[in-house]
C-alpha atoms as a PDB file:
ATOM      1  CA  MET A   1      46.764 -31.490  -0.532  1.00  0.00           C
ATOM      2  CA  LYS A   2      47.067 -27.855   0.537  1.00  0.00           C
ATOM      3  CA  LYS A   3      45.600 -26.732  -2.792  1.00  0.00           C
ATOM      4  CA  TYR A   4      42.606 -29.042  -2.294  1.00  0.00           C
ATOM      5  CA  ILE A   5      41.925 -27.678   1.174  1.00  0.00           C
ATOM      6  CA  PHE A   6      42.125 -24.088  -0.066  1.00  0.00           C
ATOM      7  CA  ILE A   7      39.541 -24.717  -2.784  1.00  0.00           C
ATOM      8  CA  THR A   8      37.199 -26.474  -0.354  1.00  0.00           C
ATOM      9  CA  ILE A   9      37.333 -23.650   2.184  1.00  0.00           C
ATOM     10  CA  SER A  10      36.818 -21.021  -0.516  1.00  0.00           C
ATOM     11  CA  THR A  11      33.817 -22.877  -1.877  1.00  0.00           C
ATOM     12  CA  PHE A  12      32.353 -23.164   1.617  1.00  0.00           C
ATOM     13  CA  LEU A  13      32.756 -19.434   2.218  1.00  0.00           C
ATOM     14  CA  ILE A  14      31.006 -18.612  -1.049  1.00  0.00           C
ATOM     15  CA  LEU A  15      28.094 -20.915  -0.242  1.00  0.00           C
ATOM     16  CA  PHE A  16      27.866 -19.554   3.301  1.00  0.00           C
ATOM     17  CA  SER A  17      27.810 -16.000   2.017  1.00  0.00           C
ATOM     18  CA  CYS A  18      24.978 -16.808  -0.391  1.00  0.00           C
ATOM     19  CA  ASN A  19      22.926 -18.569   2.255  1.00  0.00           C
ATOM     20  CA  THR A  20      23.252 -15.806   4.824  1.00  0.00           C
ATOM     21  CA  GLN A  21      22.039 -12.941   2.673  1.00  0.00           C
ATOM     22  CA  GLU A  22      19.206 -11.038   4.281  1.00  0.00           C
ATOM     23  CA  LYS A  23      15.848 -12.477   3.301  1.00  0.00           C
ATOM     24  CA  GLY A  24      14.174 -10.517   0.536  1.00  0.00           C
ATOM     25  CA  ASN A  25      17.329  -9.384  -1.234  1.00  0.00           C
ATOM     26  CA  VAL A  26      18.643 -10.849  -4.511  1.00  0.00           C
ATOM     27  CA  LYS A  27      16.171 -13.721  -4.595  1.00  0.00           C
ATOM     28  CA  ASN A  28      13.396 -11.276  -5.390  1.00  0.00           C
ATOM     29  CA  GLN A  29      14.910  -9.707  -8.454  1.00  0.00           C
ATOM     30  CA  LYS A  30      14.843 -12.406 -11.114  1.00  0.00           C
ATOM     31  CA  ASN A  31      11.075 -12.465 -11.689  1.00  0.00           C
ATOM     32  CA  LYS A  32      11.019 -16.276 -11.724  1.00  0.00           C
ATOM     33  CA  ASN A  33       7.434 -16.388 -12.897  1.00  0.00           C
ATOM     34  CA  LYS A  34       7.075 -13.765 -15.604  1.00  0.00           C
ATOM     35  CA  ASN A  35       3.327 -14.351 -15.714  1.00  0.00           C
ATOM     36  CA  GLU A  36       2.699 -13.176 -12.159  1.00  0.00           C
ATOM     37  CA  TYR A  37       2.889  -9.670 -10.706  1.00  0.00           C
ATOM     38  CA  VAL A  38       2.639  -8.644  -7.056  1.00  0.00           C
ATOM     39  CA  ILE A  39       0.385  -5.617  -6.490  1.00  0.00           C
ATOM     40  CA  ALA A  40       0.697  -4.125  -2.997  1.00  0.00           C
ATOM     41  CA  PHE A  41      -0.487  -1.321  -0.757  1.00  0.00           C
ATOM     42  CA  TYR A  42       1.027  -0.158   2.533  1.00  0.00           C
ATOM     43  CA  ASN A  43       0.124   2.658   4.900  1.00  0.00           C
ATOM     44  CA  VAL A  44       3.615   3.211   6.300  1.00  0.00           C
ATOM     45  CA  GLU A  45       2.616   5.404   9.276  1.00  0.00           C
ATOM     46  CA  ASN A  46       4.207   8.822   8.934  1.00  0.00           C
ATOM     47  CA  LEU A  47       7.276   8.390   6.766  1.00  0.00           C
ATOM     48  CA  PHE A  48       8.688  11.882   7.284  1.00  0.00           C
ATOM     49  CA  ASP A  49      12.156  13.229   6.660  1.00  0.00           C
ATOM     50  CA  ILE A  50      13.846  15.028   9.557  1.00  0.00           C
ATOM     51  CA  TYR A  51      13.575  18.573   8.152  1.00  0.00           C
ATOM     52  CA  ASP A  52      10.996  21.211   8.979  1.00  0.00           C
ATOM     53  CA  ASP A  53       8.846  22.275   6.049  1.00  0.00           C
ATOM     54  CA  PRO A  54       7.378  25.722   6.833  1.00  0.00           C
ATOM     55  CA  LYS A  55       4.386  24.947   4.598  1.00  0.00           C
ATOM     56  CA  LYS A  56       3.394  21.878   6.611  1.00  0.00           C
ATOM     57  CA  LYS A  57       2.642  20.995  10.215  1.00  0.00           C
ATOM     58  CA  ASP A  58       5.558  18.590  10.395  1.00  0.00           C
ATOM     59  CA  ASP A  59       7.454  20.184  13.287  1.00  0.00           C
ATOM     60  CA  GLU A  60       7.002  17.141  15.531  1.00  0.00           C
ATOM     61  CA  PHE A  61       8.959  15.039  13.028  1.00  0.00           C
ATOM     62  CA  THR A  62      12.252  16.858  13.503  1.00  0.00           C
ATOM     63  CA  PRO A  63      15.177  16.115  15.836  1.00  0.00           C
ATOM     64  CA  SER A  64      14.047  18.868  18.209  1.00  0.00           C
ATOM     65  CA  GLY A  65      10.339  18.198  17.780  1.00  0.00           C
ATOM     66  CA  LEU A  66       7.881  16.427  20.064  1.00  0.00           C
ATOM     67  CA  LYS A  67       8.725  13.021  18.603  1.00  0.00           C
ATOM     68  CA  MET A  68      12.489  13.645  18.483  1.00  0.00           C
ATOM     69  CA  TRP A  69      12.600  12.293  14.935  1.00  0.00           C
ATOM     70  CA  THR A  70      16.312  11.793  14.258  1.00  0.00           C
ATOM     71  CA  LYS A  71      18.301  10.667  11.245  1.00  0.00           C
ATOM     72  CA  LYS A  72      18.958   7.345  12.961  1.00  0.00           C
ATOM     73  CA  ARG A  73      15.265   6.713  13.490  1.00  0.00           C
ATOM     74  CA  TYR A  74      14.491   7.813   9.928  1.00  0.00           C
ATOM     75  CA  LYS A  75      17.088   5.434   8.481  1.00  0.00           C
ATOM     76  CA  LYS A  76      15.716   2.576  10.563  1.00  0.00           C
ATOM     77  CA  LYS A  77      12.207   3.304   9.308  1.00  0.00           C
ATOM     78  CA  LEU A  78      13.378   3.186   5.686  1.00  0.00           C
ATOM     79  CA  LYS A  79      15.155  -0.108   6.264  1.00  0.00           C
ATOM     80  CA  ASP A  80      12.126  -1.590   8.019  1.00  0.00           C
ATOM     81  CA  ILE A  81       9.694  -0.602   5.275  1.00  0.00           C
ATOM     82  CA  SER A  82      12.003  -1.925   2.575  1.00  0.00           C
ATOM     83  CA  TRP A  83      12.223  -5.234   4.444  1.00  0.00           C
ATOM     84  CA  VAL A  84       8.450  -5.539   4.528  1.00  0.00           C
ATOM     85  CA  LEU A  85       7.962  -4.700   0.865  1.00  0.00           C
ATOM     86  CA  SER A  86      10.726  -7.062  -0.233  1.00  0.00           C
ATOM     87  CA  ASN A  87       9.297  -9.956   1.769  1.00  0.00           C
ATOM     88  CA  LEU A  88       5.665  -9.917   0.707  1.00  0.00           C
ATOM     89  CA  SER A  89       6.391 -12.733  -1.744  1.00  0.00           C
ATOM     90  CA  ASP A  90       9.210 -14.328  -3.726  1.00  0.00           C
ATOM     91  CA  GLU A  91       9.147 -11.395  -6.148  1.00  0.00           C
ATOM     92  CA  LEU A  92       9.523  -7.701  -5.490  1.00  0.00           C
ATOM     93  CA  PRO A  93       6.118  -6.064  -6.070  1.00  0.00           C
ATOM     94  CA  ALA A  94       5.552  -4.764  -9.574  1.00  0.00           C
ATOM     95  CA  ILE A  95       3.339  -1.978  -8.222  1.00  0.00           C
ATOM     96  CA  ILE A  96       3.224  -0.493  -4.717  1.00  0.00           C
ATOM     97  CA  GLY A  97       0.721   2.047  -3.459  1.00  0.00           C
ATOM     98  CA  LEU A  98       1.773   3.998  -0.360  1.00  0.00           C
ATOM     99  CA  ALA A  99       0.020   6.232   2.149  1.00  0.00           C
ATOM    100  CA  GLU A 100       1.459   8.634   4.738  1.00  0.00           C
ATOM    101  CA  VAL A 101       4.637   9.600   2.907  1.00  0.00           C
ATOM    102  CA  GLU A 102       5.754  13.195   3.338  1.00  0.00           C
ATOM    103  CA  ASN A 103       7.357  14.047   0.022  1.00  0.00           C
ATOM    104  CA  ILE A 104       9.316  12.889  -3.000  1.00  0.00           C
ATOM    105  CA  LYS A 105      12.561  12.824  -1.010  1.00  0.00           C
ATOM    106  CA  VAL A 106      11.439  10.083   1.369  1.00  0.00           C
ATOM    107  CA  LEU A 107      10.286   8.049  -1.629  1.00  0.00           C
ATOM    108  CA  GLU A 108      13.631   8.469  -3.373  1.00  0.00           C
ATOM    109  CA  ASP A 109      15.386   7.389  -0.179  1.00  0.00           C
ATOM    110  CA  LEU A 110      13.089   4.363   0.075  1.00  0.00           C
ATOM    111  CA  VAL A 111      13.657   3.056  -3.466  1.00  0.00           C
ATOM    112  CA  ALA A 112      17.416   3.517  -2.923  1.00  0.00           C
ATOM    113  CA  GLU A 113      17.360   1.061  -0.004  1.00  0.00           C
ATOM    114  CA  LYS A 114      19.406  -2.092  -0.583  1.00  0.00           C
ATOM    115  CA  LEU A 115      16.435  -4.461  -0.597  1.00  0.00           C
ATOM    116  CA  LEU A 116      14.480  -2.410  -3.154  1.00  0.00           C
ATOM    117  CA  LYS A 117      17.211  -0.893  -5.304  1.00  0.00           C
ATOM    118  CA  LYS A 118      17.331  -3.702  -7.852  1.00  0.00           C
ATOM    119  CA  GLY A 119      13.604  -3.324  -8.438  1.00  0.00           C
ATOM    120  CA  LYS A 120      14.445  -0.205 -10.469  1.00  0.00           C
ATOM    121  CA  TYR A 121      11.387   1.563  -9.081  1.00  0.00           C
ATOM    122  CA  LYS A 122      10.023   4.744 -10.583  1.00  0.00           C
ATOM    123  CA  ILE A 123       7.928   7.077  -8.446  1.00  0.00           C
ATOM    124  CA  ILE A 124       4.596   8.802  -9.082  1.00  0.00           C
ATOM    125  CA  HIS A 125       3.884  11.393  -6.413  1.00  0.00           C
ATOM    126  CA  GLU A 126       1.808  14.522  -6.008  1.00  0.00           C
ATOM    127  CA  GLU A 127       1.728  16.879  -3.045  1.00  0.00           C
ATOM    128  CA  CYS A 128      -1.646  16.567  -1.328  1.00  0.00           C
ATOM    129  CA  SER A 129      -3.608  19.212   0.542  1.00  0.00           C
ATOM    130  CA  ASP A 130      -3.291  17.423   3.907  1.00  0.00           C
ATOM    131  CA  ILE A 131      -2.167  20.050   6.391  1.00  0.00           C
ATOM    132  CA  ARG A 132       0.241  17.618   8.095  1.00  0.00           C
ATOM    133  CA  GLY A 133       1.921  16.932   4.795  1.00  0.00           C
ATOM    134  CA  ILE A 134       1.154  13.229   4.421  1.00  0.00           C
ATOM    135  CA  ASP A 135       0.739  12.197   0.799  1.00  0.00           C
ATOM    136  CA  ILE A 136      -0.034   9.145  -1.283  1.00  0.00           C
ATOM    137  CA  ALA A 137       2.220   7.732  -3.980  1.00  0.00           C
ATOM    138  CA  LEU A 138       2.718   4.861  -6.362  1.00  0.00           C
ATOM    139  CA  MET A 139       5.988   3.078  -7.105  1.00  0.00           C
ATOM    140  CA  TYR A 140       6.392   0.731 -10.062  1.00  0.00           C
ATOM    141  CA  ARG A 141       9.119  -1.458 -11.488  1.00  0.00           C
ATOM    142  CA  SER A 142      10.060   0.187 -14.755  1.00  0.00           C
ATOM    143  CA  ASN A 143      11.114  -3.112 -16.323  1.00  0.00           C
ATOM    144  CA  LEU A 144       7.613  -4.539 -15.736  1.00  0.00           C
ATOM    145  CA  PHE A 145       5.199  -1.613 -15.968  1.00  0.00           C
ATOM    146  CA  GLU A 146       4.993   1.266 -18.417  1.00  0.00           C
ATOM    147  CA  TYR A 147       3.694   4.615 -17.189  1.00  0.00           C
ATOM    148  CA  ILE A 148       1.234   6.481 -19.408  1.00  0.00           C
ATOM    149  CA  SER A 149      -0.207   9.324 -17.339  1.00  0.00           C
ATOM    150  CA  HIS A 150      -1.492  10.336 -13.921  1.00  0.00           C
ATOM    151  CA  GLU A 151      -3.606  12.959 -12.251  1.00  0.00           C
ATOM    152  CA  LYS A 152      -4.652  14.090  -8.788  1.00  0.00           C
ATOM    153  CA  ILE A 153      -8.403  13.831  -8.256  1.00  0.00           C
ATOM    154  CA  PRO A 154      -9.663  16.629  -5.982  1.00  0.00           C
ATOM    155  CA  ILE A 155     -12.062  15.674  -3.194  1.00  0.00           C
ATOM    156  CA  LEU A 156     -14.367  18.512  -2.147  1.00  0.00           C
ATOM    157  CA  VAL A 157     -17.031  17.466   0.344  1.00  0.00           C
ATOM    158  CA  PRO A 158     -20.118  19.684   0.854  1.00  0.00           C
ATOM    159  CA  THR A 159     -20.508  21.123   4.359  1.00  0.00           C
ATOM    160  CA  LYS A 160     -22.802  23.644   6.022  1.00  0.00           C
ATOM    161  CA  ASP A 161     -20.196  26.331   5.431  1.00  0.00           C
ATOM    162  CA  GLY A 162     -19.361  25.424   1.853  1.00  0.00           C
ATOM    163  CA  LYS A 163     -16.955  22.667   0.870  1.00  0.00           C
ATOM    164  CA  SER A 164     -14.283  20.812   2.807  1.00  0.00           C
ATOM    165  CA  ARG A 165     -11.151  19.746   0.970  1.00  0.00           C
ATOM    166  CA  GLN A 166     -10.123  16.160   1.702  1.00  0.00           C
ATOM    167  CA  ARG A 167      -7.048  14.180   0.718  1.00  0.00           C
ATOM    168  CA  GLU A 168      -6.891  13.764  -3.040  1.00  0.00           C
ATOM    169  CA  ILE A 169      -6.901  10.430  -4.902  1.00  0.00           C
ATOM    170  CA  LEU A 170      -3.947   9.547  -7.122  1.00  0.00           C
ATOM    171  CA  TYR A 171      -5.072   8.144 -10.481  1.00  0.00           C
ATOM    172  CA  VAL A 172      -2.468   6.388 -12.645  1.00  0.00           C
ATOM    173  CA  LYS A 173      -2.762   4.898 -16.128  1.00  0.00           C
ATOM    174  CA  GLY A 174      -0.249   2.402 -17.444  1.00  0.00           C
ATOM    175  CA  LYS A 175       0.297  -1.020 -18.935  1.00  0.00           C
ATOM    176  CA  PHE A 176       2.490  -4.002 -18.316  1.00  0.00           C
ATOM    177  CA  ILE A 177       5.456  -4.434 -20.629  1.00  0.00           C
ATOM    178  CA  GLY A 178       4.524  -6.625 -23.580  1.00  0.00           C
ATOM    179  CA  SER A 179       0.787  -5.927 -23.314  1.00  0.00           C
ATOM    180  CA  ASP A 180      -1.506  -3.279 -24.773  1.00  0.00           C
ATOM    181  CA  GLU A 181      -4.061  -3.616 -21.966  1.00  0.00           C
ATOM    182  CA  ILE A 182      -4.553  -0.327 -20.105  1.00  0.00           C
ATOM    183  CA  PHE A 183      -4.694  -0.448 -16.311  1.00  0.00           C
ATOM    184  CA  ASN A 184      -6.427   2.261 -14.284  1.00  0.00           C
ATOM    185  CA  ILE A 185      -5.026   2.417 -10.751  1.00  0.00           C
ATOM    186  CA  TYR A 186      -6.352   4.537  -7.892  1.00  0.00           C
ATOM    187  CA  VAL A 187      -4.357   5.097  -4.692  1.00  0.00           C
ATOM    188  CA  ASN A 188      -6.473   6.308  -1.768  1.00  0.00           C
ATOM    189  CA  HIS A 189      -6.239   7.582   1.784  1.00  0.00           C
ATOM    190  CA  TRP A 190      -9.718   8.586   2.889  1.00  0.00           C
ATOM    191  CA  LYS A 191     -10.764  10.692   5.867  1.00  0.00           C
ATOM    192  CA  SER A 192      -9.778   9.103   9.176  1.00  0.00           C
ATOM    193  CA  ARG A 193     -12.229   8.099  11.914  1.00  0.00           C
ATOM    194  CA  ARG A 194     -10.710  10.590  14.325  1.00  0.00           C
ATOM    195  CA  GLY A 195     -13.612  12.387  15.915  1.00  0.00           C
ATOM    196  CA  GLY A 196     -15.834   9.326  15.679  1.00  0.00           C
ATOM    197  CA  LYS A 197     -16.696   6.829  12.947  1.00  0.00           C
ATOM    198  CA  ASP A 198     -20.282   8.022  12.548  1.00  0.00           C
ATOM    199  CA  GLU A 199     -19.373  11.703  12.772  1.00  0.00           C
ATOM    200  CA  THR A 200     -16.776  11.439   9.982  1.00  0.00           C
ATOM    201  CA  GLU A 201     -18.551   8.878   7.798  1.00  0.00           C
ATOM    202  CA  ILE A 202     -20.161  11.434   5.499  1.00  0.00           C
ATOM    203  CA  LYS A 203     -16.730  12.534   4.259  1.00  0.00           C
ATOM    204  CA  ARG A 204     -15.805   8.990   3.297  1.00  0.00           C
ATOM    205  CA  ILE A 205     -19.181   8.481   1.648  1.00  0.00           C
ATOM    206  CA  GLU A 206     -18.742  11.623  -0.454  1.00  0.00           C
ATOM    207  CA  THR A 207     -15.197  10.547  -1.374  1.00  0.00           C
ATOM    208  CA  ALA A 208     -16.549   7.175  -2.516  1.00  0.00           C
ATOM    209  CA  LYS A 209     -19.163   8.921  -4.683  1.00  0.00           C
ATOM    210  CA  ILE A 210     -16.512  11.030  -6.399  1.00  0.00           C
ATOM    211  CA  LEU A 211     -14.345   7.981  -7.044  1.00  0.00           C
ATOM    212  CA  LYS A 212     -17.315   5.997  -8.400  1.00  0.00           C
ATOM    213  CA  LYS A 213     -18.232   8.839 -10.725  1.00  0.00           C
ATOM    214  CA  HIS A 214     -14.676   8.800 -12.077  1.00  0.00           C
ATOM    215  CA  THR A 215     -14.631   5.029 -12.649  1.00  0.00           C
ATOM    216  CA  ASP A 216     -18.105   5.072 -14.227  1.00  0.00           C
ATOM    217  CA  LYS A 217     -16.747   7.398 -16.917  1.00  0.00           C
ATOM    218  CA  ILE A 218     -14.160   4.726 -17.718  1.00  0.00           C
ATOM    219  CA  PHE A 219     -16.791   1.980 -17.744  1.00  0.00           C
ATOM    220  CA  ALA A 220     -18.934   4.073 -20.102  1.00  0.00           C
ATOM    221  CA  LYS A 221     -16.180   3.787 -22.693  1.00  0.00           C
ATOM    222  CA  ASN A 222     -15.163   0.205 -21.874  1.00  0.00           C
ATOM    223  CA  LYS A 223     -17.260  -2.211 -19.801  1.00  0.00           C
ATOM    224  CA  ASP A 224     -14.243  -4.513 -19.560  1.00  0.00           C
ATOM    225  CA  ALA A 225     -11.922  -1.844 -18.186  1.00  0.00           C
ATOM    226  CA  LYS A 226      -9.144  -3.052 -15.904  1.00  0.00           C
ATOM    227  CA  ILE A 227      -9.367  -1.042 -12.707  1.00  0.00           C
ATOM    228  CA  ILE A 228      -7.498  -1.433  -9.419  1.00  0.00           C
ATOM    229  CA  ILE A 229      -8.520   0.567  -6.343  1.00  0.00           C
ATOM    230  CA  MET A 230      -6.191   0.349  -3.360  1.00  0.00           C
ATOM    231  CA  GLY A 231      -5.750   2.251  -0.175  1.00  0.00           C
ATOM    232  CA  ASP A 232      -6.488   3.035   3.429  1.00  0.00           C
ATOM    233  CA  LEU A 233     -10.181   3.844   3.116  1.00  0.00           C
ATOM    234  CA  ASN A 234     -10.677   4.098   6.883  1.00  0.00           C
ATOM    235  CA  ASP A 235     -13.836   2.087   6.320  1.00  0.00           C
ATOM    236  CA  GLU A 236     -14.304  -1.659   6.065  1.00  0.00           C
ATOM    237  CA  PRO A 237     -15.649  -3.624   3.097  1.00  0.00           C
ATOM    238  CA  GLU A 238     -19.104  -3.900   4.712  1.00  0.00           C
ATOM    239  CA  ASP A 239     -19.441  -0.172   5.383  1.00  0.00           C
ATOM    240  CA  ARG A 240     -21.720   1.997   3.269  1.00  0.00           C
ATOM    241  CA  SER A 241     -18.996   4.054   1.613  1.00  0.00           C
ATOM    242  CA  VAL A 242     -17.224   0.997   0.215  1.00  0.00           C
ATOM    243  CA  ASN A 243     -20.036  -1.502  -0.219  1.00  0.00           C
ATOM    244  CA  LYS A 244     -22.898   0.708  -1.367  1.00  0.00           C
ATOM    245  CA  GLU A 245     -21.458   3.921  -2.788  1.00  0.00           C
ATOM    246  CA  LEU A 246     -18.356   2.513  -4.426  1.00  0.00           C
ATOM    247  CA  PHE A 247     -20.315  -0.667  -5.209  1.00  0.00           C
ATOM    248  CA  ALA A 248     -17.474  -2.962  -4.127  1.00  0.00           C
ATOM    249  CA  THR A 249     -18.865  -6.297  -2.944  1.00  0.00           C
ATOM    250  CA  ASN A 250     -18.000  -9.988  -2.706  1.00  0.00           C
ATOM    251  CA  ASN A 251     -20.686 -10.916  -5.185  1.00  0.00           C
ATOM    252  CA  THR A 252     -19.630 -13.493  -7.792  1.00  0.00           C
ATOM    253  CA  LYS A 253     -23.084 -14.387  -9.149  1.00  0.00           C
ATOM    254  CA  ASN A 254     -23.931 -12.355 -12.237  1.00  0.00           C
ATOM    255  CA  PRO A 255     -22.370  -9.084 -11.052  1.00  0.00           C
ATOM    256  CA  GLU A 256     -23.084  -5.879 -12.924  1.00  0.00           C
ATOM    257  CA  TYR A 257     -20.316  -4.648 -15.218  1.00  0.00           C
ATOM    258  CA  ASN A 258     -19.602  -1.651 -12.967  1.00  0.00           C
ATOM    259  CA  GLU A 259     -19.764  -3.636  -9.731  1.00  0.00           C
ATOM    260  CA  PHE A 260     -16.332  -3.962  -8.153  1.00  0.00           C
ATOM    261  CA  TYR A 261     -15.026  -6.989  -6.314  1.00  0.00           C
ATOM    262  CA  ASN A 262     -13.382  -6.384  -2.932  1.00  0.00           C
ATOM    263  CA  LEU A 263     -10.540  -8.887  -2.567  1.00  0.00           C
ATOM    264  CA  LEU A 264     -10.527  -8.536   1.228  1.00  0.00           C
ATOM    265  CA  TYR A 265     -14.280  -8.632   1.863  1.00  0.00           C
ATOM    266  CA  ASN A 266     -14.428 -12.302   2.851  1.00  0.00           C
ATOM    267  CA  LYS A 267     -11.463 -11.948   5.202  1.00  0.00           C
ATOM    268  CA  SER A 268     -13.112  -8.936   6.812  1.00  0.00           C
ATOM    269  CA  ILE A 269     -16.358 -10.735   7.646  1.00  0.00           C
ATOM    270  CA  LYS A 270     -14.259 -13.426   9.315  1.00  0.00           C
ATOM    271  CA  GLY A 271     -12.827 -10.838  11.689  1.00  0.00           C
ATOM    272  CA  LYS A 272      -9.466 -10.329  10.035  1.00  0.00           C
ATOM    273  CA  GLY A 273      -8.005  -6.896   9.421  1.00  0.00           C
ATOM    274  CA  THR A 274      -5.059  -4.587   8.891  1.00  0.00           C
ATOM    275  CA  ASN A 275      -5.409  -2.172  11.800  1.00  0.00           C
ATOM    276  CA  SER A 276      -6.239  -2.844  15.431  1.00  0.00           C
ATOM    277  CA  ARG A 277      -8.140  -0.888  18.076  1.00  0.00           C
ATOM    278  CA  ASN A 278      -8.971  -2.169  21.541  1.00  0.00           C
ATOM    279  CA  TYR A 279      -7.824  -5.659  20.604  1.00  0.00           C
ATOM    280  CA  LYS A 280     -10.117  -5.926  17.630  1.00  0.00           C
ATOM    281  CA  TRP A 281      -9.134  -6.052  13.966  1.00  0.00           C
ATOM    282  CA  PHE A 282     -10.481  -3.617  11.379  1.00  0.00           C
ATOM    283  CA  MET A 283     -10.070  -4.059   7.603  1.00  0.00           C
ATOM    284  CA  LEU A 284      -9.354  -0.417   6.838  1.00  0.00           C
ATOM    285  CA  ASP A 285      -6.991  -1.164   3.952  1.00  0.00           C
ATOM    286  CA  ASN A 286      -8.826  -2.391   0.882  1.00  0.00           C
ATOM    287  CA  LEU A 287      -7.940  -3.985  -2.454  1.00  0.00           C
ATOM    288  CA  ILE A 288     -10.686  -3.639  -5.024  1.00  0.00           C
ATOM    289  CA  VAL A 289     -10.761  -4.675  -8.694  1.00  0.00           C
ATOM    290  CA  SER A 290     -13.127  -4.489 -11.654  1.00  0.00           C
ATOM    291  CA  GLN A 291     -14.881  -7.575 -12.980  1.00  0.00           C
ATOM    292  CA  ALA A 292     -12.432  -7.821 -15.873  1.00  0.00           C
ATOM    293  CA  LEU A 293      -9.758  -8.847 -13.351  1.00  0.00           C
ATOM    294  CA  VAL A 294     -11.934 -11.462 -11.668  1.00  0.00           C
ATOM    295  CA  ASP A 295     -12.649 -13.567 -14.758  1.00  0.00           C
ATOM    296  CA  GLU A 296      -9.782 -15.898 -15.645  1.00  0.00           C
ATOM    297  CA  ASP A 297      -9.153 -14.334 -19.015  1.00  0.00           C
ATOM    298  CA  ASP A 298      -5.957 -12.506 -19.961  1.00  0.00           C
ATOM    299  CA  PHE A 299      -5.021 -10.636 -16.721  1.00  0.00           C
ATOM    300  CA  TYR A 300      -6.791 -11.837 -13.571  1.00  0.00           C
ATOM    301  CA  VAL A 301      -6.348 -12.021  -9.801  1.00  0.00           C
ATOM    302  CA  LYS A 302      -4.894 -15.308  -8.605  1.00  0.00           C
ATOM    303  CA  ASN A 303      -7.392 -17.198  -6.413  1.00  0.00           C
ATOM    304  CA  ILE A 304      -9.590 -14.079  -6.485  1.00  0.00           C
ATOM    305  CA  GLU A 305      -8.330 -12.963  -3.092  1.00  0.00           C
ATOM    306  CA  GLY A 306      -6.200 -10.378  -1.401  1.00  0.00           C
ATOM    307  CA  LYS A 307      -3.586 -11.206   1.191  1.00  0.00           C
ATOM    308  CA  ILE A 308      -2.551  -9.586   4.463  1.00  0.00           C
ATOM    309  CA  PHE A 309       1.139  -9.697   5.333  1.00  0.00           C
ATOM    310  CA  LYS A 310       1.086 -10.701   8.986  1.00  0.00           C
ATOM    311  CA  ASN A 311       4.676 -11.697   9.666  1.00  0.00           C
ATOM    312  CA  ASN A 312       5.544 -11.903  13.373  1.00  0.00           C
ATOM    313  CA  LYS A 313       8.444  -9.546  12.782  1.00  0.00           C
ATOM    314  CA  ILE A 314       6.062  -6.633  12.220  1.00  0.00           C
ATOM    315  CA  LEU A 315       3.704  -7.548  15.070  1.00  0.00           C
ATOM    316  CA  TYR A 316       3.814  -6.737  18.766  1.00  0.00           C
ATOM    317  CA  TYR A 317       2.553  -9.366  21.186  1.00  0.00           C
ATOM    318  CA  ASN A 318       0.606  -8.047  24.144  1.00  0.00           C
ATOM    319  CA  ALA A 319       0.968 -10.872  26.649  1.00  0.00           C
ATOM    320  CA  LYS A 320      -1.631  -9.482  29.031  1.00  0.00           C
ATOM    321  CA  ALA A 321      -4.325  -9.421  26.355  1.00  0.00           C
ATOM    322  CA  ASN A 322      -2.889 -12.410  24.463  1.00  0.00           C
ATOM    323  CA  PHE A 323      -3.229 -10.414  21.263  1.00  0.00           C
ATOM    324  CA  LYS A 324      -0.860  -9.440  18.469  1.00  0.00           C
ATOM    325  CA  VAL A 325      -1.129  -5.960  16.981  1.00  0.00           C
ATOM    326  CA  PRO A 326       0.820  -4.084  14.300  1.00  0.00           C
ATOM    327  CA  ASN A 327       4.157  -3.015  15.765  1.00  0.00           C
ATOM    328  CA  LYS A 328       3.910   0.734  15.246  1.00  0.00           C
ATOM    329  CA  THR A 329       6.614   3.363  15.152  1.00  0.00           C
ATOM    330  CA  TYR A 330       4.988   5.728  17.645  1.00  0.00           C
ATOM    331  CA  GLY A 331       2.230   5.773  20.204  1.00  0.00           C
ATOM    332  CA  GLY A 332       1.592   9.474  20.744  1.00  0.00           C
ATOM    333  CA  LYS A 333       5.022  10.935  21.492  1.00  0.00           C
ATOM    334  CA  ASN A 334       6.414   7.588  22.654  1.00  0.00           C
ATOM    335  CA  TYR A 335       8.840   5.966  20.243  1.00  0.00           C
ATOM    336  CA  TYR A 336       8.350   2.203  19.901  1.00  0.00           C
ATOM    337  CA  GLY A 337      10.590   1.720  16.881  1.00  0.00           C
ATOM    338  CA  GLY A 338       8.123  -0.503  15.027  1.00  0.00           C
ATOM    339  CA  TYR A 339       7.179  -0.672  11.364  1.00  0.00           C
ATOM    340  CA  SER A 340       3.675   0.779  11.023  1.00  0.00           C
ATOM    341  CA  ASP A 341       0.282   0.806  12.723  1.00  0.00           C
ATOM    342  CA  HIS A 342      -1.131  -0.853   9.587  1.00  0.00           C
ATOM    343  CA  LEU A 343      -0.366  -4.190   7.950  1.00  0.00           C
ATOM    344  CA  PRO A 344       0.387  -4.248   4.220  1.00  0.00           C
ATOM    345  CA  VAL A 345      -1.966  -5.929   1.766  1.00  0.00           C
ATOM    346  CA  TYR A 346      -1.333  -7.379  -1.674  1.00  0.00           C
ATOM    347  CA  PHE A 347      -2.575  -9.692  -4.391  1.00  0.00           C
ATOM    348  CA  ILE A 348      -1.090 -11.672  -7.242  1.00  0.00           C
ATOM    349  CA  LEU A 349      -2.017 -10.605 -10.756  1.00  0.00           C
ATOM    350  CA  LYS A 350      -1.666 -13.406 -13.313  1.00  0.00           C
ATOM    351  CA  LYS A 351      -1.409 -13.201 -17.063  1.00  0.00           C
END
């Protein structure tokens, strides 16, 4: 009888342990559906380490700086971001584009987090010319995606005094394991609206022109090229830079071969978004694909739509305004301890 009780209790403890694992941990690693891949983008709002880099204006993100950025706060930020990325769907993302990361170290610390570690992520990162030191990067699961090459596309915008250097675009080429199809992936973080939307628009328009010129070279060689454009464009799908210059629309009726499809366009015109100002949503983060990924042939986007991860855990409810906004890490110098001032976006790629 004693032996029977011992076995029962042991079994219960094992089951309890399995059922109380933090959501987004082991369940994500098995790639239950090998024919589906999660493709994500997340502006993580200033993921800085705690050390001063004399080459960057990052002094505020140090323990003695304006924001009193400590190791404890940094560790919490890493844990929070890893929770978000591991809970986008039942599978860890195959590919993740990131904006506002300081350097390779913060990326290495991120992929080492418990919830992401088993994804076996590799990192593609280049130092950008942003004076604050915020970069873009791409992480990919090495057991699902094979890296071929990458480059940093310079963005020089004409001004009255010459040319203004903007944040570069990260261009990555690769293919999914078991396939010979080449994917062209662009990670973006365009000029912000600080200083006024209209006043800064020209810089986003010129960035869009440079990107379109780059993709048109790919289309010239292959009209069925598989292209993914992701990022914080600081413009919405309906704005000129995205809709007209980049030629990313929601058109499904006889589109031109070099006309992109914006997976978040239809959500945007319904008032949904990824960033909030004055209790209004703005779709600043975009997911854009070439026509080859819209047609249900070989690789294609499931349901031809992008998704916004809007879990209550990463939102802050303003009771006075009866409005939920992204729960950000900082508001000026005030530490709120949230996740990011942007919501992550993603889509499911089927094969």
